[in-house]
Amino acid sequence: MKYIILIFVLMFSISLNAQDVKKEGKTIAETLKLKENVSSKEAKKLEKGKNKAEKAQKRDQDRLDSATKRLKSSQKKYDRLKRKGKLSPKQEAKWLKKLEGYQEDLKRAKRKV
C-alpha cells in the first residue's frame, strides 16, 4: 500500500514537472512573440514621430513663406501709397505699426524653421 501511494505521488510530481516544462516552452514562445510585437510597435512609434516632425517642418516652412509674402506685399502697398501722398500721418502710423507686426511674425517664423 505504501508503495502504491509513493508511486502515485511520484507520478503526480512528474506530471506537474512536465506541465511546467510545457508552460515554460510556451512562455518562451510567447515572450519572443511579445518582443516582436514590441519592436514593431516601437518601429510604428518612430515612424509616427518622423511623420509628425516632417509635418511640423512643413507647417513652419509654410508659415515662413506666408509671413514673407505678407510683409513684402504690405511693404509694397505702403511704399506706393506714401509715394502718391495718399497717407495721412495717422494712416502712416497705422501702416508702420502693421509692418512692424509683420516683421515680428517673420522673425518668429525664421526662429521656428
N, C-alpha and C. Protein backbone atom coordinates (compact mmCIF):
# COMPACT_ATOMS: atom_id res chain seq x y z
N MET A 1 0.81 -1.19 0.00
CA MET A 1 0.00 0.00 0.00
C MET A 1 0.86 1.26 0.00
N LYS A 2 1.90 1.25 0.83
CA LYS A 2 2.81 2.39 0.88
C LYS A 2 3.44 2.64 -0.48
N TYR A 3 3.77 1.54 -1.15
CA TYR A 3 4.42 1.67 -2.44
C TYR A 3 3.49 2.26 -3.48
N ILE A 4 2.25 1.88 -3.41
CA ILE A 4 1.27 2.40 -4.37
C ILE A 4 1.11 3.91 -4.17
N ILE A 5 1.03 4.33 -2.94
CA ILE A 5 0.91 5.76 -2.65
C ILE A 5 2.16 6.49 -3.08
N LEU A 6 3.33 5.90 -2.82
CA LEU A 6 4.60 6.51 -3.21
C LEU A 6 4.69 6.63 -4.72
N ILE A 7 4.31 5.59 -5.42
CA ILE A 7 4.32 5.61 -6.88
C ILE A 7 3.35 6.67 -7.40
N PHE A 8 2.20 6.74 -6.79
CA PHE A 8 1.20 7.72 -7.19
C PHE A 8 1.73 9.15 -7.01
N VAL A 9 2.39 9.40 -5.88
CA VAL A 9 2.96 10.73 -5.59
C VAL A 9 4.06 11.05 -6.59
N LEU A 10 4.92 10.09 -6.89
CA LEU A 10 5.98 10.32 -7.87
C LEU A 10 5.42 10.62 -9.25
N MET A 11 4.42 9.86 -9.67
CA MET A 11 3.81 10.09 -10.98
C MET A 11 3.14 11.46 -11.04
N PHE A 12 2.51 11.83 -9.95
CA PHE A 12 1.85 13.14 -9.90
C PHE A 12 2.88 14.26 -10.01
N SER A 13 4.01 14.12 -9.28
CA SER A 13 5.05 15.16 -9.33
C SER A 13 5.69 15.21 -10.71
N ILE A 14 5.87 14.06 -11.36
CA ILE A 14 6.44 14.03 -12.71
C ILE A 14 5.51 14.72 -13.69
N SER A 15 4.22 14.48 -13.56
CA SER A 15 3.27 15.11 -14.47
C SER A 15 3.25 16.63 -14.26
N LEU A 16 3.38 17.07 -13.01
CA LEU A 16 3.44 18.50 -12.74
C LEU A 16 4.68 19.13 -13.35
N ASN A 17 5.83 18.43 -13.24
CA ASN A 17 7.07 18.93 -13.83
C ASN A 17 6.95 19.00 -15.35
N ALA A 18 6.32 18.01 -15.95
CA ALA A 18 6.14 18.01 -17.40
C ALA A 18 5.26 19.19 -17.82
N GLN A 19 4.23 19.46 -17.04
CA GLN A 19 3.37 20.60 -17.36
C GLN A 19 4.13 21.91 -17.22
N ASP A 20 5.00 22.01 -16.21
CA ASP A 20 5.81 23.21 -16.04
C ASP A 20 6.74 23.41 -17.22
N VAL A 21 7.34 22.33 -17.71
CA VAL A 21 8.23 22.42 -18.86
C VAL A 21 7.45 22.91 -20.08
N LYS A 22 6.25 22.36 -20.28
CA LYS A 22 5.43 22.81 -21.40
C LYS A 22 5.08 24.28 -21.25
N LYS A 23 4.73 24.67 -20.04
CA LYS A 23 4.39 26.06 -19.79
C LYS A 23 5.58 26.97 -20.07
N GLU A 24 6.78 26.53 -19.63
CA GLU A 24 7.98 27.33 -19.86
C GLU A 24 8.24 27.49 -21.35
N GLY A 25 8.09 26.39 -22.10
CA GLY A 25 8.28 26.47 -23.54
C GLY A 25 7.29 27.41 -24.18
N LYS A 26 6.07 27.31 -23.72
CA LYS A 26 5.03 28.18 -24.23
C LYS A 26 5.32 29.63 -23.82
N THR A 27 5.79 29.80 -22.63
CA THR A 27 6.10 31.14 -22.14
C THR A 27 7.24 31.75 -22.95
N ILE A 28 8.24 30.93 -23.25
CA ILE A 28 9.36 31.43 -24.05
C ILE A 28 8.86 31.85 -25.43
N ALA A 29 8.03 31.04 -26.05
CA ALA A 29 7.49 31.37 -27.36
C ALA A 29 6.64 32.64 -27.28
N GLU A 30 5.83 32.74 -26.24
CA GLU A 30 5.00 33.94 -26.08
C GLU A 30 5.87 35.17 -25.84
N THR A 31 6.93 34.99 -25.08
CA THR A 31 7.84 36.11 -24.80
C THR A 31 8.49 36.59 -26.09
N LEU A 32 8.93 35.65 -26.93
CA LEU A 32 9.53 36.04 -28.20
C LEU A 32 8.52 36.76 -29.09
N LYS A 33 7.29 36.26 -29.08
CA LYS A 33 6.24 36.89 -29.87
C LYS A 33 5.97 38.31 -29.36
N LEU A 34 5.94 38.46 -28.04
CA LEU A 34 5.72 39.78 -27.45
C LEU A 34 6.85 40.74 -27.81
N LYS A 35 8.08 40.22 -27.81
CA LYS A 35 9.23 41.07 -28.17
C LYS A 35 9.10 41.53 -29.61
N GLU A 36 8.66 40.65 -30.51
CA GLU A 36 8.46 41.03 -31.91
C GLU A 36 7.39 42.11 -32.00
N ASN A 37 6.31 41.94 -31.25
CA ASN A 37 5.24 42.93 -31.25
C ASN A 37 5.73 44.27 -30.72
N VAL A 38 6.54 44.22 -29.67
CA VAL A 38 7.07 45.44 -29.08
C VAL A 38 7.97 46.15 -30.08
N SER A 39 8.83 45.41 -30.77
CA SER A 39 9.73 46.03 -31.72
C SER A 39 8.95 46.63 -32.89
N SER A 40 7.89 45.96 -33.33
CA SER A 40 7.09 46.52 -34.41
C SER A 40 6.32 47.75 -33.91
N LYS A 41 5.90 47.71 -32.64
CA LYS A 41 5.24 48.88 -32.07
C LYS A 41 6.20 50.05 -31.98
N GLU A 42 7.43 49.76 -31.58
CA GLU A 42 8.44 50.82 -31.50
C GLU A 42 8.73 51.39 -32.87
N ALA A 43 8.78 50.53 -33.87
CA ALA A 43 9.01 51.00 -35.24
C ALA A 43 7.86 51.89 -35.69
N LYS A 44 6.64 51.49 -35.35
CA LYS A 44 5.48 52.31 -35.69
C LYS A 44 5.53 53.66 -34.99
N LYS A 45 5.94 53.64 -33.72
CA LYS A 45 6.05 54.90 -32.97
C LYS A 45 7.10 55.81 -33.59
N LEU A 46 8.23 55.22 -33.99
CA LEU A 46 9.28 56.01 -34.62
C LEU A 46 8.81 56.60 -35.94
N GLU A 47 8.10 55.79 -36.70
CA GLU A 47 7.56 56.27 -37.99
C GLU A 47 6.55 57.40 -37.75
N LYS A 48 5.71 57.22 -36.75
CA LYS A 48 4.72 58.24 -36.42
C LYS A 48 5.41 59.54 -36.00
N GLY A 49 6.45 59.42 -35.18
CA GLY A 49 7.20 60.59 -34.75
C GLY A 49 7.88 61.29 -35.90
N LYS A 50 8.40 60.50 -36.83
CA LYS A 50 9.06 61.05 -38.02
C LYS A 50 8.05 61.82 -38.87
N ASN A 51 6.88 61.22 -39.07
CA ASN A 51 5.84 61.89 -39.85
C ASN A 51 5.39 63.18 -39.19
N LYS A 52 5.28 63.14 -37.87
CA LYS A 52 4.87 64.32 -37.12
C LYS A 52 5.91 65.44 -37.26
N ALA A 53 7.18 65.08 -37.19
CA ALA A 53 8.26 66.06 -37.33
C ALA A 53 8.27 66.66 -38.73
N GLU A 54 8.07 65.82 -39.74
CA GLU A 54 8.03 66.32 -41.11
C GLU A 54 6.86 67.27 -41.32
N LYS A 55 5.72 66.92 -40.73
CA LYS A 55 4.54 67.77 -40.84
C LYS A 55 4.78 69.12 -40.16
N ALA A 56 5.42 69.10 -39.00
CA ALA A 56 5.73 70.34 -38.28
C ALA A 56 6.71 71.19 -39.08
N GLN A 57 7.69 70.54 -39.70
CA GLN A 57 8.67 71.26 -40.53
C GLN A 57 7.98 71.93 -41.71
N LYS A 58 7.08 71.20 -42.34
CA LYS A 58 6.36 71.76 -43.49
C LYS A 58 5.48 72.92 -43.05
N ARG A 59 4.80 72.77 -41.90
CA ARG A 59 3.94 73.83 -41.39
C ARG A 59 4.75 75.09 -41.08
N ASP A 60 5.92 74.90 -40.46
CA ASP A 60 6.78 76.04 -40.14
C ASP A 60 7.29 76.72 -41.40
N GLN A 61 7.63 75.92 -42.41
CA GLN A 61 8.11 76.50 -43.67
C GLN A 61 6.98 77.27 -44.36
N ASP A 62 5.77 76.71 -44.34
CA ASP A 62 4.62 77.41 -44.92
C ASP A 62 4.36 78.72 -44.19
N ARG A 63 4.49 78.69 -42.87
CA ARG A 63 4.29 79.91 -42.07
C ARG A 63 5.33 80.96 -42.44
N LEU A 64 6.57 80.54 -42.65
CA LEU A 64 7.63 81.46 -43.04
C LEU A 64 7.34 82.05 -44.41
N ASP A 65 6.93 81.21 -45.35
CA ASP A 65 6.63 81.68 -46.70
C ASP A 65 5.49 82.69 -46.69
N SER A 66 4.43 82.39 -45.94
CA SER A 66 3.29 83.31 -45.91
C SER A 66 3.65 84.62 -45.21
N ALA A 67 4.47 84.56 -44.16
CA ALA A 67 4.89 85.78 -43.46
C ALA A 67 5.74 86.65 -44.38
N THR A 68 6.62 86.02 -45.15
CA THR A 68 7.46 86.75 -46.09
C THR A 68 6.60 87.41 -47.17
N LYS A 69 5.68 86.65 -47.69
CA LYS A 69 4.79 87.16 -48.75
C LYS A 69 3.94 88.32 -48.23
N ARG A 70 3.38 88.16 -47.03
CA ARG A 70 2.52 89.20 -46.44
C ARG A 70 3.32 90.48 -46.19
N LEU A 71 4.53 90.37 -45.67
CA LEU A 71 5.37 91.53 -45.41
C LEU A 71 5.75 92.23 -46.71
N LYS A 72 6.11 91.45 -47.69
CA LYS A 72 6.53 92.01 -48.98
C LYS A 72 5.40 92.78 -49.65
N SER A 73 4.21 92.19 -49.69
CA SER A 73 3.08 92.86 -50.35
C SER A 73 2.64 94.10 -49.56
N SER A 74 2.64 94.02 -48.24
CA SER A 74 2.26 95.18 -47.43
C SER A 74 3.28 96.31 -47.57
N GLN A 75 4.55 95.94 -47.59
CA GLN A 75 5.60 96.96 -47.76
C GLN A 75 5.46 97.64 -49.12
N LYS A 76 5.15 96.86 -50.13
CA LYS A 76 4.98 97.39 -51.47
C LYS A 76 3.79 98.37 -51.52
N LYS A 77 2.69 97.97 -50.91
CA LYS A 77 1.49 98.82 -50.89
C LYS A 77 1.75 100.10 -50.10
N TYR A 78 2.43 99.98 -48.96
CA TYR A 78 2.76 101.16 -48.14
C TYR A 78 3.63 102.13 -48.94
N ASP A 79 4.66 101.61 -49.60
CA ASP A 79 5.55 102.47 -50.39
C ASP A 79 4.79 103.17 -51.51
N ARG A 80 3.91 102.45 -52.17
CA ARG A 80 3.13 103.03 -53.27
C ARG A 80 2.21 104.15 -52.75
N LEU A 81 1.51 103.90 -51.65
CA LEU A 81 0.61 104.92 -51.08
C LEU A 81 1.40 106.13 -50.59
N LYS A 82 2.54 105.91 -50.00
CA LYS A 82 3.36 107.02 -49.50
C LYS A 82 3.90 107.85 -50.65
N ARG A 83 4.34 107.19 -51.71
CA ARG A 83 4.87 107.88 -52.88
C ARG A 83 3.80 108.78 -53.50
N LYS A 84 2.57 108.30 -53.56
CA LYS A 84 1.48 109.06 -54.16
C LYS A 84 0.97 110.15 -53.22
N GLY A 85 1.39 110.09 -51.96
CA GLY A 85 0.98 111.09 -50.99
C GLY A 85 -0.44 110.88 -50.48
N LYS A 86 -0.90 109.67 -50.45
CA LYS A 86 -2.28 109.37 -50.04
C LYS A 86 -2.37 108.92 -48.58
N LEU A 87 -1.30 109.05 -47.83
CA LEU A 87 -1.32 108.62 -46.43
C LEU A 87 -1.31 109.84 -45.51
N SER A 88 -2.28 109.86 -44.62
CA SER A 88 -2.27 110.89 -43.58
C SER A 88 -1.28 110.44 -42.50
N PRO A 89 -0.85 111.35 -41.63
CA PRO A 89 0.07 110.93 -40.56
C PRO A 89 -0.51 109.81 -39.70
N LYS A 90 -1.80 109.83 -39.47
CA LYS A 90 -2.45 108.79 -38.67
C LYS A 90 -2.40 107.44 -39.41
N GLN A 91 -2.71 107.47 -40.70
CA GLN A 91 -2.68 106.23 -41.50
C GLN A 91 -1.25 105.70 -41.62
N GLU A 92 -0.31 106.62 -41.76
CA GLU A 92 1.09 106.20 -41.88
C GLU A 92 1.54 105.49 -40.59
N ALA A 93 1.13 106.00 -39.45
CA ALA A 93 1.47 105.36 -38.17
C ALA A 93 0.86 103.97 -38.10
N LYS A 94 -0.39 103.82 -38.56
CA LYS A 94 -1.03 102.50 -38.57
C LYS A 94 -0.27 101.54 -39.48
N TRP A 95 0.12 102.01 -40.66
CA TRP A 95 0.84 101.17 -41.60
C TRP A 95 2.19 100.74 -41.02
N LEU A 96 2.88 101.68 -40.39
CA LEU A 96 4.19 101.34 -39.81
C LEU A 96 4.03 100.31 -38.69
N LYS A 97 2.97 100.47 -37.90
CA LYS A 97 2.72 99.50 -36.83
C LYS A 97 2.41 98.12 -37.42
N LYS A 98 1.60 98.12 -38.48
CA LYS A 98 1.24 96.86 -39.15
C LYS A 98 2.49 96.19 -39.73
N LEU A 99 3.35 96.98 -40.38
CA LEU A 99 4.58 96.44 -40.97
C LEU A 99 5.51 95.90 -39.88
N GLU A 100 5.56 96.59 -38.76
CA GLU A 100 6.39 96.12 -37.65
C GLU A 100 5.89 94.77 -37.12
N GLY A 101 4.57 94.63 -37.04
CA GLY A 101 3.98 93.35 -36.63
C GLY A 101 4.32 92.23 -37.60
N TYR A 102 4.27 92.55 -38.89
CA TYR A 102 4.62 91.54 -39.90
C TYR A 102 6.09 91.15 -39.80
N GLN A 103 6.94 92.13 -39.49
CA GLN A 103 8.37 91.82 -39.34
C GLN A 103 8.60 90.91 -38.12
N GLU A 104 7.85 91.15 -37.04
CA GLU A 104 7.95 90.29 -35.87
C GLU A 104 7.49 88.87 -36.20
N ASP A 105 6.40 88.77 -36.95
CA ASP A 105 5.92 87.44 -37.37
C ASP A 105 6.98 86.71 -38.18
N LEU A 106 7.63 87.46 -39.07
CA LEU A 106 8.68 86.88 -39.91
C LEU A 106 9.86 86.41 -39.05
N LYS A 107 10.23 87.19 -38.05
CA LYS A 107 11.33 86.79 -37.17
C LYS A 107 10.99 85.51 -36.41
N ARG A 108 9.74 85.44 -35.90
CA ARG A 108 9.32 84.24 -35.17
C ARG A 108 9.31 83.02 -36.08
N ALA A 109 8.83 83.22 -37.31
CA ALA A 109 8.79 82.10 -38.25
C ALA A 109 10.20 81.62 -38.60
N LYS A 110 11.12 82.55 -38.74
CA LYS A 110 12.52 82.17 -39.04
C LYS A 110 13.12 81.39 -37.88
N ARG A 111 12.80 81.80 -36.64
CA ARG A 111 13.32 81.09 -35.48
C ARG A 111 12.81 79.65 -35.42
N LYS A 112 11.54 79.47 -35.80
CA LYS A 112 10.94 78.13 -35.77
C LYS A 112 11.59 77.20 -36.78
N VAL A 113 11.92 77.76 -37.95
CA VAL A 113 12.49 76.94 -39.01
C VAL A 113 13.94 76.73 -38.66
